C-alpha atoms as a PDB file:
ATOM      1  CA  MET A   1      12.147  90.143 199.763  1.00  0.00           C
ATOM      2  CA  PRO A   2      15.272  89.827 201.401  1.00  0.00           C
ATOM      3  CA  ARG A   3      18.487  90.782 198.911  1.00  0.00           C
ATOM      4  CA  ARG A   4      21.039  88.026 198.271  1.00  0.00           C
ATOM      5  CA  ARG A   5      25.113  88.946 199.648  1.00  0.00           C
ATOM      6  CA  PRO A   6      27.113  89.076 197.168  1.00  0.00           C
ATOM      7  CA  LYS A   7      29.639  85.845 196.751  1.00  0.00           C
ATOM      8  CA  LYS A   8      33.114  86.017 197.461  1.00  0.00           C
ATOM      9  CA  LEU A   9      35.811  85.717 195.134  1.00  0.00           C
ATOM     10  CA  ASP A  10      37.356  82.103 196.183  1.00  0.00           C
ATOM     11  CA  GLN A  11      33.346  81.190 196.088  1.00  0.00           C
ATOM     12  CA  LEU A  12      33.445  82.090 192.314  1.00  0.00           C
ATOM     13  CA  LEU A  13      36.917  80.714 191.184  1.00  0.00           C
ATOM     14  CA  GLY A  14      35.830  77.572 193.116  1.00  0.00           C
ATOM     15  CA  SER A  15      32.002  77.185 191.849  1.00  0.00           C
ATOM     16  CA  GLN A  16      31.336  74.173 189.533  1.00  0.00           C
ATOM     17  CA  ARG A  17      30.291  76.459 186.758  1.00  0.00           C
ATOM     18  CA  LEU A  18      33.269  78.137 186.533  1.00  0.00           C
ATOM     19  CA  GLN A  19      35.718  74.666 186.235  1.00  0.00           C
ATOM     20  CA  GLN A  20      33.019  73.769 183.445  1.00  0.00           C
ATOM     21  CA  PHE A  21      33.432  76.988 181.489  1.00  0.00           C
ATOM     22  CA  ALA A  22      37.024  76.329 181.629  1.00  0.00           C
ATOM     23  CA  ASP A  23      37.069  72.331 180.598  1.00  0.00           C
ATOM     24  CA  PHE A  24      35.056  73.554 177.575  1.00  0.00           C
ATOM     25  CA  THR A  25      37.474  76.687 176.571  1.00  0.00           C
ATOM     26  CA  GLU A  26      40.220  74.067 177.096  1.00  0.00           C
ATOM     27  CA  GLN A  27      38.074  71.662 174.754  1.00  0.00           C
ATOM     28  CA  HIS A  28      36.906  74.085 172.215  1.00  0.00           C
ATOM     29  CA  GLN A  29      40.880  75.094 171.676  1.00  0.00           C
ATOM     30  CA  ARG A  30      41.348  71.493 171.579  1.00  0.00           C
ATOM     31  CA  TRP A  31      38.807  71.264 168.578  1.00  0.00           C
ATOM     32  CA  GLN A  32      40.329  74.387 167.064  1.00  0.00           C
ATOM     33  CA  GLN A  33      43.877  72.753 166.978  1.00  0.00           C
ATOM     34  CA  LEU A  34      42.624  70.001 165.349  1.00  0.00           C
ATOM     35  CA  LEU A  35      40.764  71.774 162.444  1.00  0.00           C
ATOM     36  CA  ARG A  36      43.655  73.416 162.030  1.00  0.00           C
ATOM     37  CA  ASP A  37      45.978  70.351 161.638  1.00  0.00           C
ATOM     38  CA  CYS A  38      43.148  68.574 158.902  1.00  0.00           C
ATOM     39  CA  PHE A  39      42.960  71.553 157.276  1.00  0.00           C
ATOM     40  CA  LYS A  40      46.631  71.774 156.719  1.00  0.00           C
ATOM     41  CA  GLU A  41      46.714  68.177 156.155  1.00  0.00           C
ATOM     42  CA  GLN A  42      43.941  68.430 153.493  1.00  0.00           C
ATOM     43  CA  PRO A  43      44.119  71.381 150.526  1.00  0.00           C
ATOM     44  CA  LEU A  44      41.998  73.312 152.850  1.00  0.00           C
ATOM     45  CA  GLU A  45      44.192  75.577 154.629  1.00  0.00           C
ATOM     46  CA  GLN A  46      42.663  79.105 152.568  1.00  0.00           C
ATOM     47  CA  LEU A  47      39.057  77.993 154.062  1.00  0.00           C
ATOM     48  CA  LEU A  48      40.397  78.049 157.714  1.00  0.00           C
ATOM     49  CA  PRO A  49      39.561  81.623 158.775  1.00  0.00           C
ATOM     50  CA  HIS A  50      36.149  81.455 157.531  1.00  0.00           C
ATOM     51  CA  CYS A  51      35.680  77.912 159.504  1.00  0.00           C
ATOM     52  CA  GLU A  52      35.048  77.808 163.400  1.00  0.00           C
ATOM     53  CA  VAL A  53      34.596  74.658 165.242  1.00  0.00           C
ATOM     54  CA  ILE A  54      31.380  75.573 167.895  1.00  0.00           C
ATOM     55  CA  ALA A  55      31.492  72.000 169.340  1.00  0.00           C
ATOM     56  CA  VAL A  56      31.814  68.263 168.984  1.00  0.00           C
ATOM     57  CA  ARG A  57      28.199  66.304 170.438  1.00  0.00           C
ATOM     58  CA  ALA A  58      28.533  62.631 169.190  1.00  0.00           C
ATOM     59  CA  PRO A  59      28.080  61.899 166.830  1.00  0.00           C
ATOM     60  CA  SER A  60      28.517  65.329 165.288  1.00  0.00           C
ATOM     61  CA  LEU A  61      31.360  67.461 164.444  1.00  0.00           C
ATOM     62  CA  ILE A  62      29.799  71.153 164.361  1.00  0.00           C
ATOM     63  CA  LEU A  63      31.156  73.587 162.212  1.00  0.00           C
ATOM     64  CA  GLN A  64      30.113  77.402 161.447  1.00  0.00           C
ATOM     65  CA  VAL A  65      31.359  78.903 158.021  1.00  0.00           C
ATOM     66  CA  SER A  66      30.416  82.650 157.071  1.00  0.00           C
ATOM     67  CA  SER A  67      28.980  81.741 153.713  1.00  0.00           C
ATOM     68  CA  ALA A  68      27.611  78.909 151.512  1.00  0.00           C
ATOM     69  CA  ALA A  69      29.645  78.635 149.231  1.00  0.00           C
ATOM     70  CA  ILE A  70      32.742  77.846 152.091  1.00  0.00           C
ATOM     71  CA  ALA A  71      29.935  75.305 153.498  1.00  0.00           C
ATOM     72  CA  GLN A  72      29.614  73.307 150.217  1.00  0.00           C
ATOM     73  CA  ARG A  73      33.651  73.299 149.820  1.00  0.00           C
ATOM     74  CA  LEU A  74      33.363  71.263 153.073  1.00  0.00           C
ATOM     75  CA  LYS A  75      30.501  69.287 152.366  1.00  0.00           C
ATOM     76  CA  THR A  76      33.061  67.776 149.042  1.00  0.00           C
ATOM     77  CA  GLU A  77      35.620  67.431 151.396  1.00  0.00           C
ATOM     78  CA  GLN A  78      33.334  65.410 154.318  1.00  0.00           C
ATOM     79  CA  GLY A  79      34.920  62.070 154.216  1.00  0.00           C
ATOM     80  CA  ARG A  80      38.295  63.362 154.642  1.00  0.00           C
ATOM     81  CA  ILE A  81      37.259  65.846 157.732  1.00  0.00           C
ATOM     82  CA  ILE A  82      35.551  63.218 159.342  1.00  0.00           C
ATOM     83  CA  THR A  83      37.453  60.598 159.284  1.00  0.00           C
ATOM     84  CA  TYR A  84      40.649  62.845 160.662  1.00  0.00           C
ATOM     85  CA  PHE A  85      38.254  63.429 163.613  1.00  0.00           C
ATOM     86  CA  GLN A  86      37.436  60.207 164.410  1.00  0.00           C
ATOM     87  CA  THR A  87      41.140  59.286 164.537  1.00  0.00           C
ATOM     88  CA  HIS A  88      42.199  62.233 166.334  1.00  0.00           C
ATOM     89  CA  ALA A  89      39.036  63.762 168.540  1.00  0.00           C
ATOM     90  CA  THR A  90      37.984  61.890 172.025  1.00  0.00           C
ATOM     91  CA  PRO A  91      34.197  61.446 171.082  1.00  0.00           C
ATOM     92  CA  THR A  92      33.173  59.516 168.047  1.00  0.00           C
ATOM     93  CA  VAL A  93      32.632  61.380 165.161  1.00  0.00           C
ATOM     94  CA  THR A  94      30.536  60.094 162.166  1.00  0.00           C
ATOM     95  CA  SER A  95      28.800  63.154 160.751  1.00  0.00           C
ATOM     96  CA  LEU A  96      29.190  66.603 159.881  1.00  0.00           C
ATOM     97  CA  GLU A  97      27.107  69.410 160.530  1.00  0.00           C
ATOM     98  CA  ILE A  98      27.673  73.041 159.299  1.00  0.00           C
ATOM     99  CA  ARG A  99      25.814  75.717 160.046  1.00  0.00           C
ATOM    100  CA  ILE A 100      26.228  79.089 157.768  1.00  0.00           C
ATOM    101  CA  ARG A 101      26.886  82.520 159.698  1.00  0.00           C
ATOM    102  CA  PRO A 102      28.013  85.076 157.987  1.00  0.00           C
ATOM    103  CA  SER A 103      30.215  87.338 160.124  1.00  0.00           C
ATOM    104  CA  ARG A 104      29.631  91.034 160.513  1.00  0.00           C
ATOM    105  CA  HIS A 105      33.342  91.978 159.864  1.00  0.00           C
ATOM    106  CA  LEU A 106      33.311  90.355 156.272  1.00  0.00           C
ATOM    107  CA  SER A 107      29.717  92.706 155.250  1.00  0.00           C
ATOM    108  CA  THR A 108      31.476  95.735 156.732  1.00  0.00           C
ATOM    109  CA  GLU A 109      34.780  95.605 154.622  1.00  0.00           C
ATOM    110  CA  LYS A 110      34.902  97.834 151.585  1.00  0.00           C
ATOM    111  CA  ALA A 111      34.305  96.359 148.482  1.00  0.00           C
ATOM    112  CA  PRO A 112      37.422  96.017 146.369  1.00  0.00           C
ATOM    113  CA  ALA A 113      37.050  99.096 144.395  1.00  0.00           C
ATOM    114  CA  ALA A 114      36.604  98.992 140.617  1.00  0.00           C
ATOM    115  CA  PRO A 115      39.624  98.705 138.101  1.00  0.00           C
ATOM    116  CA  PRO A 116      39.322 102.436 136.074  1.00  0.00           C
ATOM    117  CA  LYS A 117      37.251 102.628 132.966  1.00  0.00           C
ATOM    118  CA  VAL A 118      39.804 102.822 130.075  1.00  0.00           C
ATOM    119  CA  GLU A 119      38.691 105.739 127.672  1.00  0.00           C
ATOM    120  CA  VAL A 120      38.360 104.920 124.159  1.00  0.00           C
ATOM    121  CA  LYS A 121      37.768 107.506 121.645  1.00  0.00           C
ATOM    122  CA  GLU A 122      34.946 107.071 119.170  1.00  0.00           C
ATOM    123  CA  SER A 123      37.329 108.164 116.523  1.00  0.00           C
ATOM    124  CA  ASP A 124      39.735 105.448 117.084  1.00  0.00           C
ATOM    125  CA  THR A 125      36.619 103.084 117.162  1.00  0.00           C
ATOM    126  CA  VAL A 126      35.540 104.046 114.452  1.00  0.00           C
ATOM    127  CA  ARG A 127      38.583 104.095 112.219  1.00  0.00           C
ATOM    128  CA  LYS A 128      39.425 100.379 113.928  1.00  0.00           C
ATOM    129  CA  LEU A 129      36.060  98.945 112.467  1.00  0.00           C
ATOM    130  CA  ARG A 130      36.485 100.709 109.016  1.00  0.00           C
ATOM    131  CA  GLU A 131      39.941  98.673 108.820  1.00  0.00           C
ATOM    132  CA  GLN A 132      38.827  95.369 110.282  1.00  0.00           C
ATOM    133  CA  ALA A 133      35.984  95.884 107.516  1.00  0.00           C
ATOM    134  CA  GLU A 134      38.123  96.227 104.434  1.00  0.00           C
ATOM    135  CA  LEU A 135      40.143  92.648 105.878  1.00  0.00           C
ATOM    136  CA  CYS A 136      36.479  91.178 105.842  1.00  0.00           C
ATOM    137  CA  ASP A 137      34.403  89.536 103.148  1.00  0.00           C
ATOM    138  CA  GLU A 138      30.742  90.151 102.635  1.00  0.00           C
ATOM    139  CA  PRO A 139      28.190  90.229 104.925  1.00  0.00           C
ATOM    140  CA  LEU A 140      30.275  91.183 107.601  1.00  0.00           C
ATOM    141  CA  ARG A 141      32.453  94.115 105.617  1.00  0.00           C
ATOM    142  CA  SER A 142      28.522  95.946 105.249  1.00  0.00           C
ATOM    143  CA  GLN A 143      27.321  95.535 108.875  1.00  0.00           C
ATOM    144  CA  LEU A 144      31.085  96.576 110.314  1.00  0.00           C
ATOM    145  CA  LEU A 145      30.600  99.576 108.003  1.00  0.00           C
ATOM    146  CA  ALA A 146      27.389 100.120 108.785  1.00  0.00           C
ATOM    147  CA  LEU A 147      28.226  99.988 112.569  1.00  0.00           C
ATOM    148  CA  ALA A 148      31.086 102.406 112.290  1.00  0.00           C
ATOM    149  CA  ASP A 149      28.810 105.130 110.034  1.00  0.00           C
ATOM    150  CA  LYS A 150      25.958 104.405 113.466  1.00  0.00           C
ATOM    151  CA  TYR A 151      28.883 105.538 115.721  1.00  0.00           C
ATOM    152  CA  SER A 152      30.953 108.540 113.436  1.00  0.00           C
ATOM    153  CA  SER A 153      30.753 111.472 114.624  1.00  0.00           C
ATOM    154  CA  PRO A 154      28.678 114.079 112.768  1.00  0.00           C
END
């Protein structure tokens, strides 16, 4: 089997595939800008880092989101998003398709640290239970005293 010769740089740069890719990239950037403008106009700006336009294939706008919660929020605002894209995008948009794909960088982030536990001395708790019991009527009084007796130190 004969080996093909490598293409020259001007052949690659002038190829139709490269031009199609460049056109798609430019169109994708326009769609992303439209999405940014739409979200700024709507009360959805905080969701923007979690959303991306995958494509606009008439009649659908296809978005990728990082979680089901964000997808649900966008579904509630679907009418406004479609209306915005109908007036500003070249292909006619009549439906919104949302694909959920969790991003890897979100899952690798550290979870927020748990708040430090406040140590309460047992004797303080028992003392407070007894004080509260003195202020209460029966049967709550006897229940609080029984609870204080249960947790008092021997």
